[in-house]
N, C-alpha and C. Protein backbone atom coordinates (compact mmCIF):
# COMPACT_ATOMS: atom_id res chain seq x y z
N MET A 1 14.48 -1.38 -47.87
CA MET A 1 13.88 -1.93 -48.16
C MET A 1 13.21 -2.16 -50.11
N GLU A 2 13.40 -3.38 -50.71
CA GLU A 2 13.43 -3.84 -52.02
C GLU A 2 12.06 -3.15 -52.68
N THR A 3 12.44 -2.65 -54.20
CA THR A 3 11.40 -2.31 -54.95
C THR A 3 10.51 -3.35 -55.08
N LEU A 4 9.11 -2.71 -55.74
CA LEU A 4 7.92 -3.96 -55.96
C LEU A 4 7.93 -3.64 -57.17
N ASN A 5 7.58 -4.30 -57.87
CA ASN A 5 7.02 -4.16 -59.59
C ASN A 5 5.69 -3.84 -59.63
N ILE A 6 5.10 -2.70 -60.29
CA ILE A 6 3.99 -2.86 -60.38
C ILE A 6 3.83 -2.73 -61.51
N SER A 7 2.86 -3.74 -62.63
CA SER A 7 3.30 -3.84 -63.91
C SER A 7 2.00 -2.78 -64.53
N GLU A 8 2.42 -2.35 -66.03
CA GLU A 8 1.42 -1.87 -66.60
C GLU A 8 0.15 -2.59 -66.64
N LYS A 9 -1.17 -1.57 -66.96
CA LYS A 9 -2.12 -2.75 -66.75
C LYS A 9 -2.86 -4.14 -67.14
N LYS A 10 -2.81 -4.90 -66.21
CA LYS A 10 -3.50 -6.08 -66.79
C LYS A 10 -4.79 -6.31 -67.62
N ASN A 11 -4.82 -7.41 -68.70
CA ASN A 11 -5.55 -7.54 -69.15
C ASN A 11 -7.11 -8.54 -68.91
N LYS A 12 -6.29 -9.41 -67.52
CA LYS A 12 -7.05 -10.11 -66.81
C LYS A 12 -7.06 -10.01 -65.60
N ILE A 13 -7.99 -9.98 -65.03
CA ILE A 13 -8.37 -9.62 -63.39
C ILE A 13 -9.06 -10.44 -62.84
N LYS A 14 -8.71 -11.78 -62.06
CA LYS A 14 -9.70 -12.68 -61.81
C LYS A 14 -9.74 -12.50 -60.23
N TRP A 15 -11.09 -12.77 -59.71
CA TRP A 15 -11.26 -12.47 -58.67
C TRP A 15 -12.04 -13.66 -57.90
N ASP A 16 -12.16 -14.19 -56.96
CA ASP A 16 -12.51 -14.96 -55.97
C ASP A 16 -13.23 -14.55 -54.64
N TYR A 17 -14.62 -15.15 -54.42
CA TYR A 17 -15.19 -14.35 -53.24
C TYR A 17 -15.97 -15.78 -52.59
N ASP A 18 -14.52 -16.06 -51.14
CA ASP A 18 -15.13 -17.12 -50.64
C ASP A 18 -16.00 -16.51 -49.48
N ALA A 19 -17.74 -17.07 -49.39
CA ALA A 19 -18.58 -16.23 -48.52
C ALA A 19 -18.44 -17.46 -47.24
N GLU A 20 -17.93 -17.88 -47.02
CA GLU A 20 -17.81 -18.72 -45.77
C GLU A 20 -17.05 -18.24 -44.95
N ALA A 21 -16.06 -18.02 -45.92
CA ALA A 21 -14.75 -17.65 -45.03
C ALA A 21 -14.43 -15.98 -44.80
N ASP A 22 -15.59 -15.39 -46.01
CA ASP A 22 -15.30 -13.82 -45.89
C ASP A 22 -13.87 -13.20 -46.39
N VAL A 23 -13.30 -13.90 -47.61
CA VAL A 23 -11.99 -13.53 -48.54
C VAL A 23 -11.98 -13.55 -49.45
N LEU A 24 -11.76 -11.93 -49.69
CA LEU A 24 -11.81 -11.66 -51.47
C LEU A 24 -10.45 -12.26 -51.92
N TYR A 25 -10.13 -12.90 -53.34
CA TYR A 25 -8.79 -12.86 -53.64
C TYR A 25 -8.62 -12.37 -55.04
N ILE A 26 -8.07 -11.47 -55.16
CA ILE A 26 -8.05 -10.72 -56.67
C ILE A 26 -6.78 -11.40 -57.13
N SER A 27 -6.23 -11.64 -58.72
CA SER A 27 -5.31 -11.94 -58.76
C SER A 27 -5.32 -11.30 -60.61
N PHE A 28 -3.79 -10.70 -60.77
CA PHE A 28 -3.57 -9.76 -62.26
C PHE A 28 -3.02 -11.09 -62.71
N GLY A 29 -3.66 -11.45 -63.88
CA GLY A 29 -3.56 -12.61 -64.76
C GLY A 29 -3.70 -13.84 -64.26
N ASN A 30 -3.08 -14.74 -64.42
CA ASN A 30 -3.22 -16.32 -63.68
C ASN A 30 -2.65 -16.15 -62.64
N PRO A 31 -3.71 -16.90 -61.81
CA PRO A 31 -2.69 -17.27 -60.34
C PRO A 31 -1.74 -18.18 -60.29
N LYS A 32 -0.78 -17.21 -59.57
CA LYS A 32 0.76 -18.23 -59.49
C LYS A 32 1.24 -18.46 -58.26
N ASP A 33 2.00 -18.75 -57.85
CA ASP A 33 2.78 -18.94 -56.47
C ASP A 33 3.24 -17.89 -55.79
N ALA A 34 3.20 -17.58 -55.12
CA ALA A 34 3.58 -16.23 -54.44
C ALA A 34 3.68 -16.50 -52.88
N GLU A 35 4.41 -15.01 -52.59
CA GLU A 35 4.32 -14.94 -51.20
C GLU A 35 3.71 -13.46 -50.77
N GLY A 36 2.99 -14.11 -49.49
CA GLY A 36 2.31 -13.03 -49.04
C GLY A 36 2.77 -11.89 -48.08
N VAL A 37 2.62 -10.76 -48.27
CA VAL A 37 2.95 -9.76 -47.47
C VAL A 37 2.11 -8.61 -46.83
N ASP A 38 1.68 -8.81 -45.50
CA ASP A 38 0.40 -8.46 -44.91
C ASP A 38 0.46 -6.72 -44.90
N ILE A 39 0.14 -5.73 -45.13
CA ILE A 39 0.26 -4.38 -45.33
C ILE A 39 -0.55 -4.23 -44.25
N GLY A 40 -1.35 -4.59 -43.18
CA GLY A 40 -2.34 -4.10 -42.49
C GLY A 40 -4.02 -4.08 -42.74
N GLU A 41 -4.69 -3.94 -41.74
CA GLU A 41 -6.27 -3.65 -41.92
C GLU A 41 -6.93 -4.60 -42.71
N GLY A 42 -6.02 -5.87 -42.48
CA GLY A 42 -6.77 -7.03 -43.32
C GLY A 42 -6.18 -7.05 -44.81
N THR A 43 -5.26 -7.06 -45.10
CA THR A 43 -4.64 -6.79 -46.97
C THR A 43 -3.72 -7.35 -46.98
N ILE A 44 -3.70 -8.50 -48.29
CA ILE A 44 -2.20 -8.87 -48.14
C ILE A 44 -2.05 -8.75 -49.69
N ILE A 45 -0.88 -8.44 -49.95
CA ILE A 45 -0.51 -8.31 -51.21
C ILE A 45 0.42 -9.29 -51.33
N ARG A 46 0.14 -10.11 -52.63
CA ARG A 46 1.03 -11.13 -53.25
C ARG A 46 1.89 -10.88 -54.09
N ILE A 47 2.81 -11.27 -53.76
CA ILE A 47 4.05 -11.07 -54.67
C ILE A 47 4.91 -12.23 -55.32
N GLN A 48 4.89 -12.28 -56.69
CA GLN A 48 5.81 -13.06 -57.25
C GLN A 48 7.95 -13.04 -56.64
N PRO A 49 8.43 -13.70 -55.76
CA PRO A 49 9.50 -13.61 -55.40
C PRO A 49 10.45 -13.19 -56.32
N ASP A 50 10.54 -14.30 -57.28
CA ASP A 50 12.00 -14.15 -58.21
C ASP A 50 11.63 -12.64 -59.37
N THR A 51 10.65 -12.02 -59.29
CA THR A 51 10.38 -10.80 -60.09
C THR A 51 10.21 -9.65 -59.31
N ASN A 52 9.73 -9.96 -57.98
CA ASN A 52 9.13 -8.84 -57.12
C ASN A 52 7.74 -7.87 -57.90
N GLU A 53 6.91 -8.86 -58.36
CA GLU A 53 6.01 -8.46 -59.38
C GLU A 53 4.53 -8.60 -58.43
N ILE A 54 4.11 -7.58 -58.29
CA ILE A 54 2.66 -7.42 -57.68
C ILE A 54 1.53 -8.56 -58.41
N ILE A 55 1.00 -9.56 -58.34
CA ILE A 55 0.24 -11.11 -58.80
C ILE A 55 -0.90 -10.98 -58.30
N GLY A 56 -0.90 -9.95 -57.24
CA GLY A 56 -2.63 -10.71 -56.38
C GLY A 56 -2.89 -9.43 -55.16
N VAL A 57 -3.80 -9.31 -54.62
CA VAL A 57 -4.27 -9.01 -53.16
C VAL A 57 -5.59 -10.37 -52.33
N THR A 58 -5.19 -10.44 -51.51
CA THR A 58 -6.47 -10.53 -50.49
C THR A 58 -6.39 -10.04 -49.53
N ILE A 59 -8.19 -9.82 -49.58
CA ILE A 59 -8.74 -9.09 -48.24
C ILE A 59 -9.43 -9.74 -47.77
N LEU A 60 -9.37 -9.77 -46.18
CA LEU A 60 -9.91 -10.27 -45.23
C LEU A 60 -11.13 -9.50 -44.82
N ASN A 61 -12.10 -10.15 -44.61
CA ASN A 61 -13.28 -10.49 -44.06
C ASN A 61 -13.85 -8.87 -44.90
N PRO A 62 -13.84 -8.66 -46.27
CA PRO A 62 -14.39 -7.39 -46.67
C PRO A 62 -15.78 -7.56 -46.96
N LEU A 63 -16.98 -8.24 -46.36
CA LEU A 63 -18.48 -8.04 -45.73
C LEU A 63 -18.38 -7.46 -44.74
N HIS A 64 -17.71 -8.54 -44.03
CA HIS A 64 -17.77 -7.97 -42.36
C HIS A 64 -17.28 -6.34 -41.95
N ARG A 65 -16.20 -5.84 -42.47
CA ARG A 65 -15.94 -4.92 -42.47
C ARG A 65 -16.82 -4.20 -43.34
N THR A 66 -17.22 -3.99 -44.12
CA THR A 66 -18.38 -2.72 -45.02
C THR A 66 -19.62 -2.96 -43.97
N LEU A 67 -19.71 -4.08 -43.77
CA LEU A 67 -21.26 -3.78 -43.14
C LEU A 67 -21.07 -2.69 -41.83
N SER A 68 -19.92 -3.54 -41.23
CA SER A 68 -19.83 -2.76 -40.03
C SER A 68 -19.90 -1.22 -40.21
N THR A 69 -18.87 -0.76 -41.00
CA THR A 69 -18.46 0.74 -41.76
C THR A 69 -20.23 0.96 -41.67
N LEU A 70 -20.63 0.51 -42.72
CA LEU A 70 -22.22 1.13 -43.00
C LEU A 70 -23.26 1.24 -41.93
N THR A 71 -23.21 0.27 -41.20
CA THR A 71 -24.07 0.58 -39.35
C THR A 71 -23.66 0.95 -38.62
N GLY A 72 -22.36 0.83 -38.67
CA GLY A 72 -21.60 1.41 -37.33
C GLY A 72 -21.54 0.53 -36.00
N LYS A 73 -21.95 -1.03 -36.58
CA LYS A 73 -21.79 -2.04 -35.69
C LYS A 73 -21.32 -3.09 -36.16
N TYR A 74 -21.10 -4.37 -35.83
CA TYR A 74 -20.98 -5.72 -36.10
C TYR A 74 -22.21 -6.34 -36.45
N PRO A 75 -22.18 -6.75 -38.10
CA PRO A 75 -23.67 -7.48 -38.27
C PRO A 75 -23.97 -8.84 -37.34
N LEU A 76 -25.41 -8.49 -37.15
CA LEU A 76 -25.57 -9.62 -36.71
C LEU A 76 -25.73 -10.78 -37.43
N ILE A 77 -25.50 -11.87 -36.66
CA ILE A 77 -24.88 -13.65 -37.19
C ILE A 77 -25.87 -14.32 -36.37
N ARG A 78 -26.44 -14.92 -37.09
CA ARG A 78 -27.73 -15.54 -36.62
C ARG A 78 -27.29 -16.97 -36.88
N LYS A 79 -27.57 -17.83 -35.43
CA LYS A 79 -27.50 -19.04 -35.90
C LYS A 79 -28.42 -20.08 -35.72
N LYS A 80 -28.24 -21.37 -36.56
CA LYS A 80 -29.60 -21.92 -36.56
C LYS A 80 -29.91 -22.57 -35.40
N LYS A 81 -30.91 -23.03 -34.89
CA LYS A 81 -31.47 -23.41 -33.70
C LYS A 81 -31.84 -24.93 -33.72
N ASN A 82 -31.26 -25.89 -33.06
CA ASN A 82 -32.08 -27.23 -33.13
C ASN A 82 -33.05 -27.44 -32.20
N SER A 83 -34.18 -28.34 -33.22
CA SER A 83 -35.49 -28.08 -32.12
C SER A 83 -35.92 -29.73 -32.10
N SER A 84 -36.40 -30.14 -31.04
CA SER A 84 -36.82 -31.03 -31.15
C SER A 84 -38.32 -31.25 -30.71
N PHE A 85 -39.10 -32.40 -31.44
CA PHE A 85 -40.68 -32.45 -30.62
C PHE A 85 -40.78 -33.52 -30.25
N THR A 86 -41.61 -33.70 -28.84
CA THR A 86 -41.79 -34.88 -28.55
C THR A 86 -43.49 -34.64 -28.48
N LYS A 87 -44.25 -36.05 -28.44
CA LYS A 87 -45.20 -36.70 -29.00
C LYS A 87 -45.89 -37.22 -27.35
């Protein structure tokens, strides 16, 4: 297995949370093209292929997994009901 480069502490850590998809994106520095490596448990490490430097992390379902851990069960998701009225 190739060695991955973990750079010194980055001055800019950027993040974005997509609430609709429940995905957290973390980038070390400005986002760049990268290859994803699934390390399990819904975590993907983003690696710049030419330098093998870790440049980001993607975490799938962080809110769902956190709520599941805290409550011991899956959170209740309510769907909107369509209703119609007739006179």
